[in-house]
Amino acid sequence: MENLKSKDPLHGITLQKIVEQLVAHYGFDTLGELIKVKCFTDNPSVKSSLIFLRKTDWARKQVEDLYVKTVSKSQN
């Protein structure tokens, strides 16, 4: 049987890994400009961002969307 790879770019990637990669790529300053949430602008950290994003669906969706766009750009 063939190994089927998921077409979902977020498959198998944790929220922590997404945030860490976005911070490494953009930094908190730019993330705060791209996604207007306090966890990226006021005393930001990966830990505080994860706490907020796990409770806030709309913000997590914005972070996931930015991650997908960033990954697709880097693969081209």
C-alpha atoms as a PDB file:
ATOM      1  CA  MET A   1       0.000   0.000   0.000  1.00  0.00           C
ATOM      2  CA  GLU A   2       1.236   3.484  -0.835  1.00  0.00           C
ATOM      3  CA  ASN A   3       2.092   6.022   1.828  1.00  0.00           C
ATOM      4  CA  LEU A   4      -0.466   8.784   1.477  1.00  0.00           C
ATOM      5  CA  LYS A   5       0.785  12.220   2.427  1.00  0.00           C
ATOM      6  CA  SER A   6      -1.759  14.648   3.839  1.00  0.00           C
ATOM      7  CA  LYS A   7      -2.420  17.697   1.697  1.00  0.00           C
ATOM      8  CA  ASP A   8      -3.014  19.752   4.828  1.00  0.00           C
ATOM      9  CA  PRO A   9       0.133  21.901   5.321  1.00  0.00           C
ATOM     10  CA  LEU A  10      -0.548  21.968   9.078  1.00  0.00           C
ATOM     11  CA  HIS A  11      -0.752  18.181   9.422  1.00  0.00           C
ATOM     12  CA  GLY A  12       1.601  16.951  12.132  1.00  0.00           C
ATOM     13  CA  ILE A  13       2.835  20.409  13.121  1.00  0.00           C
ATOM     14  CA  THR A  14       2.194  21.628  16.647  1.00  0.00           C
ATOM     15  CA  LEU A  15       1.067  25.137  17.459  1.00  0.00           C
ATOM     16  CA  GLN A  16       4.299  25.603  19.409  1.00  0.00           C
ATOM     17  CA  LYS A  17       6.382  24.726  16.337  1.00  0.00           C
ATOM     18  CA  ILE A  18       4.314  27.128  14.203  1.00  0.00           C
ATOM     19  CA  VAL A  19       4.833  30.015  16.647  1.00  0.00           C
ATOM     20  CA  GLU A  20       8.547  29.266  17.050  1.00  0.00           C
ATOM     21  CA  GLN A  21       9.090  29.200  13.277  1.00  0.00           C
ATOM     22  CA  LEU A  22       7.138  32.425  12.749  1.00  0.00           C
ATOM     23  CA  VAL A  23       9.101  34.164  15.518  1.00  0.00           C
ATOM     24  CA  ALA A  24      12.362  32.940  14.005  1.00  0.00           C
ATOM     25  CA  HIS A  25      11.302  34.154  10.556  1.00  0.00           C
ATOM     26  CA  TYR A  26       9.592  37.466  11.389  1.00  0.00           C
ATOM     27  CA  GLY A  27      10.407  38.295  15.011  1.00  0.00           C
ATOM     28  CA  PHE A  28       7.795  39.441  17.517  1.00  0.00           C
ATOM     29  CA  ASP A  29       7.827  43.049  16.262  1.00  0.00           C
ATOM     30  CA  THR A  30       6.771  42.112  12.735  1.00  0.00           C
ATOM     31  CA  LEU A  31       4.364  39.431  13.978  1.00  0.00           C
ATOM     32  CA  GLY A  32       2.673  42.097  16.095  1.00  0.00           C
ATOM     33  CA  GLU A  33       2.249  44.247  12.990  1.00  0.00           C
ATOM     34  CA  LEU A  34       0.954  41.382  10.844  1.00  0.00           C
ATOM     35  CA  ILE A  35      -1.383  39.947  13.487  1.00  0.00           C
ATOM     36  CA  LYS A  36      -2.752  42.533  15.880  1.00  0.00           C
ATOM     37  CA  VAL A  37      -2.809  40.668  19.197  1.00  0.00           C
ATOM     38  CA  LYS A  38      -1.223  41.687  22.500  1.00  0.00           C
ATOM     39  CA  CYS A  39       0.611  38.398  22.946  1.00  0.00           C
ATOM     40  CA  PHE A  40       2.911  39.503  20.092  1.00  0.00           C
ATOM     41  CA  THR A  41       3.261  43.155  21.127  1.00  0.00           C
ATOM     42  CA  ASP A  42       3.172  43.439  24.945  1.00  0.00           C
ATOM     43  CA  ASN A  43       6.001  41.544  26.651  1.00  0.00           C
ATOM     44  CA  PRO A  44       5.883  38.740  24.052  1.00  0.00           C
ATOM     45  CA  SER A  45       7.060  35.198  24.594  1.00  0.00           C
ATOM     46  CA  VAL A  46       6.338  31.883  22.939  1.00  0.00           C
ATOM     47  CA  LYS A  47       4.797  30.575  26.165  1.00  0.00           C
ATOM     48  CA  SER A  48       2.358  33.476  26.632  1.00  0.00           C
ATOM     49  CA  SER A  49       1.484  33.393  22.943  1.00  0.00           C
ATOM     50  CA  LEU A  50       0.638  29.683  23.127  1.00  0.00           C
ATOM     51  CA  ILE A  51      -1.601  30.211  26.151  1.00  0.00           C
ATOM     52  CA  PHE A  52      -3.539  32.939  24.326  1.00  0.00           C
ATOM     53  CA  LEU A  53      -3.698  31.177  20.951  1.00  0.00           C
ATOM     54  CA  ARG A  54      -4.954  27.909  22.446  1.00  0.00           C
ATOM     55  CA  LYS A  55      -7.943  29.786  23.917  1.00  0.00           C
ATOM     56  CA  THR A  56      -8.645  32.120  21.000  1.00  0.00           C
ATOM     57  CA  ASP A  57      -9.744  30.436  17.781  1.00  0.00           C
ATOM     58  CA  TRP A  58      -9.769  33.546  15.557  1.00  0.00           C
ATOM     59  CA  ALA A  59      -6.199  34.472  16.525  1.00  0.00           C
ATOM     60  CA  ARG A  60      -4.954  30.901  16.109  1.00  0.00           C
ATOM     61  CA  LYS A  61      -6.524  30.843  12.622  1.00  0.00           C
ATOM     62  CA  GLN A  62      -4.652  34.022  11.668  1.00  0.00           C
ATOM     63  CA  VAL A  63      -1.361  32.538  12.917  1.00  0.00           C
ATOM     64  CA  GLU A  64      -1.964  29.282  11.041  1.00  0.00           C
ATOM     65  CA  ASP A  65      -2.849  31.174   7.851  1.00  0.00           C
ATOM     66  CA  LEU A  66       0.317  33.269   8.097  1.00  0.00           C
ATOM     67  CA  TYR A  67       2.357  30.118   8.653  1.00  0.00           C
ATOM     68  CA  VAL A  68       0.881  28.454   5.554  1.00  0.00           C
ATOM     69  CA  LYS A  69       1.610  31.559   3.441  1.00  0.00           C
ATOM     70  CA  THR A  70       5.150  31.781   4.809  1.00  0.00           C
ATOM     71  CA  VAL A  71       5.902  28.111   4.191  1.00  0.00           C
ATOM     72  CA  SER A  72       4.463  28.187   0.671  1.00  0.00           C
ATOM     73  CA  LYS A  73       6.584  31.259  -0.207  1.00  0.00           C
ATOM     74  CA  SER A  74       9.763  29.631   1.088  1.00  0.00           C
ATOM     75  CA  GLN A  75       9.122  26.467  -0.942  1.00  0.00           C
ATOM     76  CA  ASN A  76       8.843  28.383  -4.231  1.00  0.00           C
END
